[in-house]
Amino acid sequence: MALRPAYPIVTGRLRLRPFTRGDVDAVFAYRSRADVARFLFDPPLSHEECTLAVQQRTCQLALEADGDRIILAVETLADGALVGEVSLTWRSVEARQGEMGWIFHPDHQGRGYASEASMRLLDLAFGEADLHRVYARCDAANTPSWRLMERLGMRREAHFRDHGFSKGRWDEEFYYAILRREWLSRRESGPSGLH
């Protein structure tokens, strides 16, 4: 089933919305940082590279075929600050599999924004998109990211050691996943089901 959400998507404290050209400086503020790029495939981005990335994101708003992505800006309702981004990629239409991800500005971490935005994205994935399984992956050293996956109820399914060479070192990755029935069960159990 194709997914074309109505935007913006609002949570208790956040607005998940399409990127606009006016977001370049806010994205550059976190994507240009070495501490953010450390766990990404890309090196720190230049302002020009951020401009191109934002331009691409303005069109990534629906899931219709394998490889399609929804990438949304995450801003606070309180002051409209762009604090990061979340993504959902349709990895297999036939197997109803998706991959999610997130990047947040370090100045806004530790406030539960990534959890709140990711929970809403999983609601979309297992609701309107009717996916069967969603996975996420991160560098094994990215403790905040894999802890978020665990808070979302995902289970660690794999630990790949030295599986790729990136940025002058061997890469280690954790893969986490959650099934639709597991997510729905957690949501039905209320706040205690989601930490």
N, C-alpha and C. Protein backbone atom coordinates (compact mmCIF):
# COMPACT_ATOMS: atom_id res chain seq x y z
N MET A 1 0.84 -1.18 0.00
CA MET A 1 0.00 0.00 0.00
C MET A 1 0.89 1.24 0.00
N ALA A 2 0.65 2.16 -0.89
CA ALA A 2 1.42 3.40 -0.96
C ALA A 2 1.11 4.29 0.25
N LEU A 3 2.09 5.07 0.64
CA LEU A 3 1.92 5.97 1.77
C LEU A 3 2.18 7.40 1.32
N ARG A 4 1.14 8.22 1.39
CA ARG A 4 1.26 9.66 1.09
C ARG A 4 0.60 10.42 2.24
N PRO A 5 1.33 10.60 3.34
CA PRO A 5 0.72 11.22 4.53
C PRO A 5 0.28 12.66 4.27
N ALA A 6 -0.66 13.11 5.07
CA ALA A 6 -1.03 14.53 5.08
C ALA A 6 -0.03 15.23 5.99
N TYR A 7 0.54 16.31 5.51
CA TYR A 7 1.54 17.07 6.28
C TYR A 7 0.96 18.41 6.71
N PRO A 8 1.45 18.94 7.84
CA PRO A 8 2.44 18.37 8.75
C PRO A 8 1.83 17.30 9.63
N ILE A 9 2.72 16.51 10.23
CA ILE A 9 2.33 15.50 11.21
C ILE A 9 2.71 16.07 12.58
N VAL A 10 1.73 16.21 13.44
CA VAL A 10 1.97 16.86 14.72
C VAL A 10 1.92 15.85 15.86
N THR A 11 2.89 15.95 16.77
CA THR A 11 2.91 15.14 17.98
C THR A 11 2.70 16.10 19.16
N GLY A 12 2.90 15.62 20.36
CA GLY A 12 2.70 16.47 21.53
C GLY A 12 3.56 17.72 21.54
N ARG A 13 4.81 17.60 21.11
CA ARG A 13 5.74 18.74 21.15
C ARG A 13 6.37 19.08 19.81
N LEU A 14 6.08 18.29 18.78
CA LEU A 14 6.83 18.41 17.53
C LEU A 14 5.93 18.50 16.31
N ARG A 15 6.49 19.08 15.26
CA ARG A 15 5.86 19.10 13.94
C ARG A 15 6.83 18.42 12.98
N LEU A 16 6.37 17.33 12.34
CA LEU A 16 7.16 16.65 11.31
C LEU A 16 6.60 17.15 9.99
N ARG A 17 7.45 17.77 9.20
CA ARG A 17 6.97 18.44 7.99
C ARG A 17 7.96 18.28 6.86
N PRO A 18 7.51 18.53 5.63
CA PRO A 18 8.43 18.51 4.50
C PRO A 18 9.51 19.60 4.66
N PHE A 19 10.68 19.31 4.14
CA PHE A 19 11.74 20.30 4.11
C PHE A 19 11.40 21.40 3.10
N THR A 20 11.91 22.58 3.35
CA THR A 20 11.79 23.69 2.41
C THR A 20 13.18 24.26 2.15
N ARG A 21 13.30 25.07 1.12
CA ARG A 21 14.60 25.69 0.81
C ARG A 21 15.10 26.57 1.95
N GLY A 22 14.17 27.07 2.76
CA GLY A 22 14.55 27.91 3.89
C GLY A 22 15.20 27.16 5.03
N ASP A 23 15.28 25.83 4.94
CA ASP A 23 15.86 25.02 6.01
C ASP A 23 17.36 24.79 5.89
N VAL A 24 17.98 25.31 4.84
CA VAL A 24 19.38 25.00 4.57
C VAL A 24 20.28 25.37 5.75
N ASP A 25 20.16 26.57 6.27
CA ASP A 25 21.04 26.99 7.37
C ASP A 25 20.85 26.12 8.61
N ALA A 26 19.61 25.76 8.91
CA ALA A 26 19.35 24.92 10.09
C ALA A 26 19.94 23.52 9.90
N VAL A 27 19.84 22.97 8.70
CA VAL A 27 20.42 21.65 8.42
C VAL A 27 21.95 21.75 8.45
N PHE A 28 22.50 22.81 7.89
CA PHE A 28 23.95 23.01 7.90
C PHE A 28 24.47 23.08 9.34
N ALA A 29 23.68 23.62 10.25
CA ALA A 29 24.10 23.75 11.65
C ALA A 29 24.43 22.41 12.29
N TYR A 30 23.76 21.31 11.85
CA TYR A 30 24.13 20.01 12.41
C TYR A 30 24.87 19.11 11.43
N ARG A 31 24.57 19.21 10.13
CA ARG A 31 25.24 18.32 9.17
C ARG A 31 26.69 18.75 8.88
N SER A 32 27.07 19.94 9.27
CA SER A 32 28.45 20.40 9.07
C SER A 32 29.36 19.98 10.22
N ARG A 33 28.80 19.43 11.27
CA ARG A 33 29.54 19.09 12.47
C ARG A 33 30.22 17.73 12.37
N ALA A 34 31.48 17.68 12.78
CA ALA A 34 32.23 16.43 12.76
C ALA A 34 31.63 15.41 13.72
N ASP A 35 31.12 15.86 14.87
CA ASP A 35 30.56 14.91 15.84
C ASP A 35 29.27 14.28 15.33
N VAL A 36 28.55 14.95 14.44
CA VAL A 36 27.36 14.37 13.83
C VAL A 36 27.77 13.44 12.68
N ALA A 37 28.69 13.89 11.85
CA ALA A 37 29.12 13.11 10.68
C ALA A 37 29.87 11.84 11.08
N ARG A 38 30.39 11.81 12.29
CA ARG A 38 31.16 10.65 12.75
C ARG A 38 30.40 9.34 12.53
N PHE A 39 29.08 9.35 12.72
CA PHE A 39 28.30 8.13 12.62
C PHE A 39 27.48 8.06 11.34
N LEU A 40 27.73 8.94 10.39
CA LEU A 40 27.02 8.94 9.11
C LEU A 40 27.96 8.47 8.01
N PHE A 41 27.40 8.10 6.87
CA PHE A 41 28.23 7.71 5.74
C PHE A 41 28.95 8.91 5.15
N ASP A 42 28.32 10.09 5.25
CA ASP A 42 28.89 11.30 4.67
C ASP A 42 29.86 11.97 5.64
N PRO A 43 30.84 12.68 5.09
CA PRO A 43 31.66 13.54 5.95
C PRO A 43 30.82 14.78 6.31
N PRO A 44 31.35 15.67 7.16
CA PRO A 44 30.63 16.93 7.39
C PRO A 44 30.33 17.61 6.05
N LEU A 45 29.11 18.12 5.90
CA LEU A 45 28.69 18.71 4.63
C LEU A 45 28.99 20.20 4.58
N SER A 46 29.35 20.66 3.39
CA SER A 46 29.51 22.09 3.16
C SER A 46 28.13 22.73 3.03
N HIS A 47 28.09 24.04 3.03
CA HIS A 47 26.80 24.73 2.87
C HIS A 47 26.17 24.37 1.53
N GLU A 48 26.99 24.27 0.49
CA GLU A 48 26.48 23.92 -0.84
C GLU A 48 25.92 22.50 -0.85
N GLU A 49 26.61 21.58 -0.19
CA GLU A 49 26.13 20.20 -0.11
C GLU A 49 24.82 20.11 0.68
N CYS A 50 24.70 20.93 1.72
CA CYS A 50 23.45 20.96 2.49
C CYS A 50 22.32 21.51 1.63
N THR A 51 22.62 22.50 0.81
CA THR A 51 21.61 23.06 -0.09
C THR A 51 21.07 21.98 -1.02
N LEU A 52 21.97 21.18 -1.59
CA LEU A 52 21.56 20.09 -2.47
C LEU A 52 20.77 19.02 -1.70
N ALA A 53 21.24 18.67 -0.50
CA ALA A 53 20.55 17.66 0.30
C ALA A 53 19.13 18.10 0.65
N VAL A 54 18.97 19.36 1.02
CA VAL A 54 17.64 19.87 1.36
C VAL A 54 16.75 19.88 0.12
N GLN A 55 17.31 20.29 -1.01
CA GLN A 55 16.55 20.30 -2.26
C GLN A 55 16.03 18.89 -2.58
N GLN A 56 16.87 17.86 -2.39
CA GLN A 56 16.45 16.49 -2.65
C GLN A 56 15.34 16.07 -1.68
N ARG A 57 15.47 16.48 -0.42
CA ARG A 57 14.51 16.09 0.60
C ARG A 57 13.12 16.70 0.36
N THR A 58 13.05 17.83 -0.30
CA THR A 58 11.74 18.46 -0.53
C THR A 58 10.83 17.58 -1.38
N CYS A 59 11.41 16.63 -2.11
CA CYS A 59 10.62 15.75 -2.97
C CYS A 59 10.44 14.35 -2.39
N GLN A 60 11.03 14.07 -1.24
CA GLN A 60 10.98 12.73 -0.66
C GLN A 60 9.87 12.69 0.39
N LEU A 61 8.63 12.53 -0.10
CA LEU A 61 7.47 12.69 0.76
C LEU A 61 6.45 11.56 0.70
N ALA A 62 6.74 10.52 -0.08
CA ALA A 62 5.77 9.43 -0.23
C ALA A 62 6.49 8.11 -0.48
N LEU A 63 5.82 7.03 -0.14
CA LEU A 63 6.33 5.69 -0.42
C LEU A 63 5.40 5.05 -1.45
N GLU A 64 5.95 4.78 -2.63
CA GLU A 64 5.16 4.16 -3.69
C GLU A 64 5.83 2.94 -4.30
N ALA A 65 7.18 2.88 -4.19
CA ALA A 65 7.93 1.78 -4.80
C ALA A 65 9.18 1.51 -3.97
N ASP A 66 9.80 0.35 -4.19
CA ASP A 66 11.04 0.02 -3.49
C ASP A 66 12.03 1.18 -3.58
N GLY A 67 12.63 1.51 -2.45
CA GLY A 67 13.65 2.56 -2.42
C GLY A 67 13.12 3.95 -2.16
N ASP A 68 11.81 4.16 -2.26
CA ASP A 68 11.25 5.48 -1.98
C ASP A 68 11.46 5.84 -0.51
N ARG A 69 11.58 7.15 -0.26
CA ARG A 69 11.83 7.64 1.10
C ARG A 69 10.90 8.77 1.46
N ILE A 70 10.60 8.81 2.73
CA ILE A 70 9.98 9.98 3.34
C ILE A 70 11.02 10.53 4.30
N ILE A 71 11.46 11.75 4.07
CA ILE A 71 12.41 12.40 4.97
C ILE A 71 11.78 13.71 5.42
N LEU A 72 11.61 13.84 6.73
CA LEU A 72 10.89 14.98 7.28
C LEU A 72 11.74 15.80 8.25
N ALA A 73 11.58 17.10 8.17
CA ALA A 73 12.18 17.99 9.15
C ALA A 73 11.40 17.86 10.45
N VAL A 74 12.10 17.90 11.57
CA VAL A 74 11.48 17.83 12.88
C VAL A 74 11.70 19.18 13.55
N GLU A 75 10.60 19.88 13.82
CA GLU A 75 10.72 21.17 14.50
C GLU A 75 9.84 21.19 15.75
N THR A 76 10.24 22.00 16.70
CA THR A 76 9.48 22.09 17.95
C THR A 76 8.27 22.98 17.75
N LEU A 77 7.17 22.60 18.39
CA LEU A 77 5.97 23.42 18.34
C LEU A 77 6.15 24.70 19.14
N ALA A 78 6.94 24.62 20.21
CA ALA A 78 7.11 25.76 21.11
C ALA A 78 7.73 26.96 20.42
N ASP A 79 8.79 26.73 19.63
CA ASP A 79 9.48 27.88 19.01
C ASP A 79 9.79 27.70 17.53
N GLY A 80 9.37 26.58 16.94
CA GLY A 80 9.59 26.37 15.51
C GLY A 80 11.03 26.06 15.14
N ALA A 81 11.87 25.71 16.12
CA ALA A 81 13.27 25.39 15.84
C ALA A 81 13.36 24.03 15.15
N LEU A 82 14.13 23.97 14.07
CA LEU A 82 14.38 22.71 13.38
C LEU A 82 15.47 21.99 14.17
N VAL A 83 15.12 20.84 14.77
CA VAL A 83 16.04 20.15 15.68
C VAL A 83 16.64 18.89 15.07
N GLY A 84 16.12 18.46 13.92
CA GLY A 84 16.65 17.26 13.29
C GLY A 84 15.76 16.77 12.17
N GLU A 85 15.93 15.50 11.83
CA GLU A 85 15.16 14.90 10.75
C GLU A 85 14.95 13.42 11.00
N VAL A 86 13.88 12.89 10.45
CA VAL A 86 13.59 11.46 10.52
C VAL A 86 13.30 10.96 9.11
N SER A 87 13.54 9.67 8.91
CA SER A 87 13.32 9.12 7.57
C SER A 87 12.73 7.72 7.67
N LEU A 88 11.95 7.40 6.65
CA LEU A 88 11.39 6.06 6.48
C LEU A 88 11.59 5.68 5.01
N THR A 89 12.29 4.57 4.79
CA THR A 89 12.58 4.09 3.43
C THR A 89 11.88 2.77 3.21
N TRP A 90 11.22 2.65 2.07
CA TRP A 90 10.55 1.39 1.71
C TRP A 90 11.59 0.48 1.07
N ARG A 91 12.06 -0.51 1.82
CA ARG A 91 13.11 -1.40 1.34
C ARG A 91 12.58 -2.55 0.49
N SER A 92 11.35 -3.00 0.77
CA SER A 92 10.76 -4.07 -0.04
C SER A 92 9.24 -3.95 0.01
N VAL A 93 8.66 -3.65 -1.14
CA VAL A 93 7.20 -3.59 -1.24
C VAL A 93 6.62 -4.98 -1.02
N GLU A 94 7.20 -5.97 -1.71
CA GLU A 94 6.67 -7.33 -1.64
C GLU A 94 6.69 -7.89 -0.21
N ALA A 95 7.81 -7.67 0.50
CA ALA A 95 7.94 -8.21 1.86
C ALA A 95 7.46 -7.22 2.93
N ARG A 96 6.99 -6.06 2.49
CA ARG A 96 6.48 -5.03 3.41
C ARG A 96 7.51 -4.68 4.49
N GLN A 97 8.72 -4.35 4.02
CA GLN A 97 9.84 -4.03 4.90
C GLN A 97 10.24 -2.57 4.73
N GLY A 98 10.54 -1.94 5.87
CA GLY A 98 11.00 -0.55 5.83
C GLY A 98 12.20 -0.35 6.71
N GLU A 99 12.91 0.74 6.45
CA GLU A 99 14.06 1.13 7.29
C GLU A 99 13.84 2.55 7.76
N MET A 100 14.09 2.80 9.03
CA MET A 100 13.95 4.15 9.54
C MET A 100 15.29 4.66 10.02
N GLY A 101 15.38 5.99 10.09
CA GLY A 101 16.60 6.62 10.56
C GLY A 101 16.33 8.00 11.10
N TRP A 102 17.33 8.61 11.69
CA TRP A 102 17.19 9.93 12.30
C TRP A 102 18.54 10.59 12.40
N ILE A 103 18.53 11.90 12.37
CA ILE A 103 19.71 12.72 12.64
C ILE A 103 19.19 13.92 13.43
N PHE A 104 19.77 14.16 14.61
CA PHE A 104 19.35 15.28 15.44
C PHE A 104 20.54 16.15 15.84
N HIS A 105 20.30 17.44 15.92
CA HIS A 105 21.33 18.38 16.34
C HIS A 105 21.72 18.04 17.78
N PRO A 106 23.01 17.92 18.08
CA PRO A 106 23.43 17.59 19.46
C PRO A 106 22.90 18.55 20.52
N ASP A 107 22.68 19.81 20.17
CA ASP A 107 22.17 20.77 21.15
C ASP A 107 20.75 20.44 21.60
N HIS A 108 20.05 19.60 20.84
CA HIS A 108 18.67 19.28 21.16
C HIS A 108 18.49 17.82 21.59
N GLN A 109 19.59 17.10 21.76
CA GLN A 109 19.51 15.70 22.18
C GLN A 109 19.25 15.63 23.69
N GLY A 110 18.74 14.49 24.12
CA GLY A 110 18.47 14.28 25.53
C GLY A 110 17.15 14.85 26.02
N ARG A 111 16.30 15.29 25.10
CA ARG A 111 15.00 15.86 25.46
C ARG A 111 13.83 14.97 25.02
N GLY A 112 14.14 13.83 24.42
CA GLY A 112 13.09 12.92 23.99
C GLY A 112 12.51 13.24 22.62
N TYR A 113 13.09 14.20 21.91
CA TYR A 113 12.56 14.56 20.59
C TYR A 113 12.70 13.40 19.59
N ALA A 114 13.86 12.74 19.59
CA ALA A 114 14.07 11.63 18.64
C ALA A 114 13.08 10.50 18.93
N SER A 115 12.85 10.20 20.21
CA SER A 115 11.88 9.15 20.56
C SER A 115 10.48 9.52 20.10
N GLU A 116 10.08 10.76 20.37
CA GLU A 116 8.73 11.21 20.02
C GLU A 116 8.50 11.19 18.51
N ALA A 117 9.47 11.69 17.76
CA ALA A 117 9.33 11.71 16.30
C ALA A 117 9.37 10.30 15.72
N SER A 118 10.24 9.45 16.26
CA SER A 118 10.36 8.08 15.75
C SER A 118 9.13 7.25 16.06
N MET A 119 8.53 7.46 17.23
CA MET A 119 7.29 6.73 17.55
C MET A 119 6.20 7.09 16.55
N ARG A 120 6.12 8.36 16.20
CA ARG A 120 5.09 8.78 15.22
C ARG A 120 5.38 8.18 13.85
N LEU A 121 6.66 8.10 13.49
CA LEU A 121 7.03 7.50 12.21
C LEU A 121 6.68 6.01 12.19
N LEU A 122 6.88 5.32 13.31
CA LEU A 122 6.50 3.91 13.38
C LEU A 122 4.98 3.74 13.32
N ASP A 123 4.24 4.69 13.91
CA ASP A 123 2.78 4.65 13.77
C ASP A 123 2.38 4.71 12.30
N LEU A 124 3.04 5.57 11.52
CA LEU A 124 2.77 5.67 10.08
C LEU A 124 3.14 4.37 9.38
N ALA A 125 4.32 3.85 9.70
CA ALA A 125 4.83 2.66 9.02
C ALA A 125 3.90 1.46 9.23
N PHE A 126 3.47 1.28 10.47
CA PHE A 126 2.65 0.10 10.77
C PHE A 126 1.16 0.37 10.65
N GLY A 127 0.79 1.63 10.49
CA GLY A 127 -0.61 1.99 10.29
C GLY A 127 -0.91 2.17 8.82
N GLU A 128 -0.81 3.40 8.34
CA GLU A 128 -1.16 3.72 6.95
C GLU A 128 -0.36 2.94 5.92
N ALA A 129 0.94 2.73 6.18
CA ALA A 129 1.77 2.01 5.19
C ALA A 129 1.62 0.50 5.29
N ASP A 130 1.08 0.00 6.40
CA ASP A 130 0.84 -1.43 6.60
C ASP A 130 2.11 -2.26 6.40
N LEU A 131 3.25 -1.76 6.89
CA LEU A 131 4.48 -2.53 6.80
C LEU A 131 4.44 -3.68 7.80
N HIS A 132 5.17 -4.73 7.49
CA HIS A 132 5.25 -5.90 8.36
C HIS A 132 6.41 -5.78 9.34
N ARG A 133 7.52 -5.19 8.89
CA ARG A 133 8.74 -5.11 9.69
C ARG A 133 9.47 -3.83 9.36
N VAL A 134 10.00 -3.18 10.39
CA VAL A 134 10.82 -1.99 10.21
C VAL A 134 12.13 -2.22 10.95
N TYR A 135 13.23 -1.89 10.28
CA TYR A 135 14.53 -2.02 10.92
C TYR A 135 15.25 -0.69 10.92
N ALA A 136 16.27 -0.61 11.75
CA ALA A 136 17.14 0.56 11.82
C ALA A 136 18.55 0.04 12.07
N ARG A 137 19.52 0.82 11.71
CA ARG A 137 20.90 0.40 11.92
C ARG A 137 21.73 1.59 12.34
N CYS A 138 22.82 1.31 13.02
CA CYS A 138 23.71 2.39 13.44
C CYS A 138 25.09 1.82 13.69
N ASP A 139 26.06 2.72 13.75
CA ASP A 139 27.42 2.36 14.14
C ASP A 139 27.35 1.79 15.56
N ALA A 140 28.07 0.72 15.82
CA ALA A 140 28.03 0.09 17.14
C ALA A 140 28.48 1.04 18.24
N ALA A 141 29.28 2.04 17.91
CA ALA A 141 29.75 3.01 18.90
C ALA A 141 28.75 4.13 19.16
N ASN A 142 27.68 4.17 18.38
CA ASN A 142 26.68 5.24 18.53
C ASN A 142 25.64 4.82 19.58
N THR A 143 26.06 4.88 20.81
CA THR A 143 25.23 4.42 21.92
C THR A 143 23.87 5.12 21.99
N PRO A 144 23.78 6.46 21.85
CA PRO A 144 22.45 7.08 21.91
C PRO A 144 21.49 6.54 20.84
N SER A 145 22.01 6.20 19.66
CA SER A 145 21.14 5.71 18.60
C SER A 145 20.61 4.31 18.91
N TRP A 146 21.49 3.39 19.32
CA TRP A 146 20.97 2.04 19.59
C TRP A 146 20.13 2.00 20.86
N ARG A 147 20.40 2.90 21.79
CA ARG A 147 19.52 2.97 22.97
C ARG A 147 18.12 3.46 22.58
N LEU A 148 18.06 4.39 21.63
CA LEU A 148 16.76 4.83 21.12
C LEU A 148 16.02 3.66 20.50
N MET A 149 16.73 2.86 19.71
CA MET A 149 16.09 1.69 19.09
C MET A 149 15.51 0.77 20.16
N GLU A 150 16.24 0.58 21.23
CA GLU A 150 15.74 -0.27 22.30
C GLU A 150 14.54 0.36 23.01
N ARG A 151 14.56 1.68 23.20
CA ARG A 151 13.39 2.35 23.81
C ARG A 151 12.15 2.20 22.94
N LEU A 152 12.35 2.12 21.63
CA LEU A 152 11.24 1.95 20.70
C LEU A 152 10.72 0.50 20.68
N GLY A 153 11.40 -0.38 21.39
CA GLY A 153 10.97 -1.78 21.43
C GLY A 153 11.61 -2.64 20.36
N MET A 154 12.60 -2.09 19.66
CA MET A 154 13.28 -2.88 18.64
C MET A 154 14.27 -3.84 19.31
N ARG A 155 14.50 -4.96 18.67
CA ARG A 155 15.45 -5.93 19.19
C ARG A 155 16.69 -5.94 18.30
N ARG A 156 17.84 -6.14 18.93
CA ARG A 156 19.09 -6.24 18.16
C ARG A 156 19.09 -7.58 17.45
N GLU A 157 19.16 -7.53 16.12
CA GLU A 157 19.14 -8.75 15.33
C GLU A 157 20.52 -9.12 14.78
N ALA A 158 21.41 -8.14 14.70
CA ALA A 158 22.73 -8.44 14.13
C ALA A 158 23.76 -7.45 14.63
N HIS A 159 24.99 -7.94 14.71
CA HIS A 159 26.15 -7.11 15.00
C HIS A 159 27.19 -7.48 13.95
N PHE A 160 27.35 -6.59 12.98
CA PHE A 160 28.30 -6.84 11.90
C PHE A 160 29.64 -6.20 12.26
N ARG A 161 30.67 -7.02 12.35
CA ARG A 161 32.01 -6.54 12.70
C ARG A 161 32.86 -6.44 11.44
N ASP A 162 33.57 -5.32 11.33
CA ASP A 162 34.50 -5.10 10.21
C ASP A 162 33.88 -5.43 8.86
N HIS A 163 32.65 -5.01 8.66
CA HIS A 163 31.94 -5.37 7.42
C HIS A 163 32.13 -4.34 6.32
N GLY A 164 32.68 -3.20 6.64
CA GLY A 164 32.94 -2.18 5.63
C GLY A 164 34.03 -1.26 6.10
N PHE A 165 34.75 -0.67 5.17
CA PHE A 165 35.83 0.26 5.52
C PHE A 165 35.37 1.65 5.17
N SER A 166 35.28 2.53 6.17
CA SER A 166 34.75 3.86 5.96
C SER A 166 35.52 4.87 6.81
N LYS A 167 35.87 5.98 6.20
CA LYS A 167 36.54 7.08 6.91
C LYS A 167 37.80 6.61 7.63
N GLY A 168 38.54 5.71 6.97
CA GLY A 168 39.82 5.27 7.50
C GLY A 168 39.77 4.21 8.57
N ARG A 169 38.59 3.61 8.78
CA ARG A 169 38.51 2.56 9.80
C ARG A 169 37.49 1.51 9.39
N TRP A 170 37.60 0.34 10.03
CA TRP A 170 36.61 -0.71 9.82
C TRP A 170 35.34 -0.35 10.56
N ASP A 171 34.24 -0.60 9.90
CA ASP A 171 32.93 -0.23 10.41
C ASP A 171 32.28 -1.40 11.12
N GLU A 172 31.64 -1.11 12.26
CA GLU A 172 30.81 -2.09 12.96
C GLU A 172 29.41 -1.53 13.03
N GLU A 173 28.42 -2.36 12.73
CA GLU A 173 27.03 -1.90 12.75
C GLU A 173 26.14 -2.83 13.56
N PHE A 174 25.17 -2.21 14.23
CA PHE A 174 24.08 -2.94 14.86
C PHE A 174 22.85 -2.81 13.99
N TYR A 175 22.11 -3.87 13.83
CA TYR A 175 20.80 -3.86 13.18
C TYR A 175 19.75 -4.19 14.22
N TYR A 176 18.72 -3.37 14.29
CA TYR A 176 17.59 -3.58 15.18
C TYR A 176 16.33 -3.64 14.33
N ALA A 177 15.31 -4.34 14.81
CA ALA A 177 14.05 -4.40 14.07
C ALA A 177 12.88 -4.62 15.02
N ILE A 178 11.69 -4.28 14.50
CA ILE A 178 10.45 -4.53 15.22
C ILE A 178 9.39 -4.93 14.20
N LEU A 179 8.54 -5.86 14.59
CA LEU A 179 7.44 -6.31 13.73
C LEU A 179 6.18 -5.51 14.03
N ARG A 180 5.29 -5.46 13.06
CA ARG A 180 4.04 -4.72 13.21
C ARG A 180 3.27 -5.17 14.45
N ARG A 181 3.12 -6.47 14.65
CA ARG A 181 2.34 -6.96 15.79
C ARG A 181 2.99 -6.56 17.11
N GLU A 182 4.31 -6.51 17.14
CA GLU A 182 5.01 -6.10 18.37
C GLU A 182 4.77 -4.62 18.66
N TRP A 183 4.85 -3.80 17.61
CA TRP A 183 4.62 -2.36 17.79
C TRP A 183 3.19 -2.09 18.24
N LEU A 184 2.23 -2.72 17.59
CA LEU A 184 0.83 -2.50 17.96
C LEU A 184 0.55 -2.95 19.39
N SER A 185 1.17 -4.04 19.81
CA SER A 185 1.01 -4.52 21.18
C SER A 185 1.58 -3.51 22.18
N ARG A 186 2.71 -2.95 21.85
CA ARG A 186 3.33 -1.94 22.74
C ARG A 186 2.45 -0.69 22.81
N ARG A 187 1.90 -0.28 21.68
CA ARG A 187 1.06 0.92 21.67
C ARG A 187 -0.22 0.69 22.46
N GLU A 188 -0.78 -0.52 22.35
CA GLU A 188 -2.01 -0.84 23.08
C GLU A 188 -1.77 -0.90 24.59
N SER A 189 -0.54 -1.24 24.99
CA SER A 189 -0.26 -1.36 26.42
C SER A 189 -0.07 0.01 27.08
N GLY A 190 -0.05 1.07 26.27
CA GLY A 190 0.01 2.43 26.82
C GLY A 190 1.42 2.89 27.11
N PRO A 191 1.54 3.98 27.88
CA PRO A 191 2.84 4.61 28.12
C PRO A 191 3.89 3.67 28.71
N SER A 192 3.46 2.68 29.52
CA SER A 192 4.45 1.77 30.10
C SER A 192 5.09 0.88 29.05
N GLY A 193 4.43 0.70 27.90
CA GLY A 193 4.99 -0.12 26.85
C GLY A 193 6.08 0.56 26.05
N LEU A 194 6.15 1.87 26.17
CA LEU A 194 7.17 2.65 25.47
C LEU A 194 7.93 3.47 26.48
N HIS A 195 9.23 3.26 26.60
CA HIS A 195 9.99 4.03 27.58
C HIS A 195 10.67 5.20 26.90
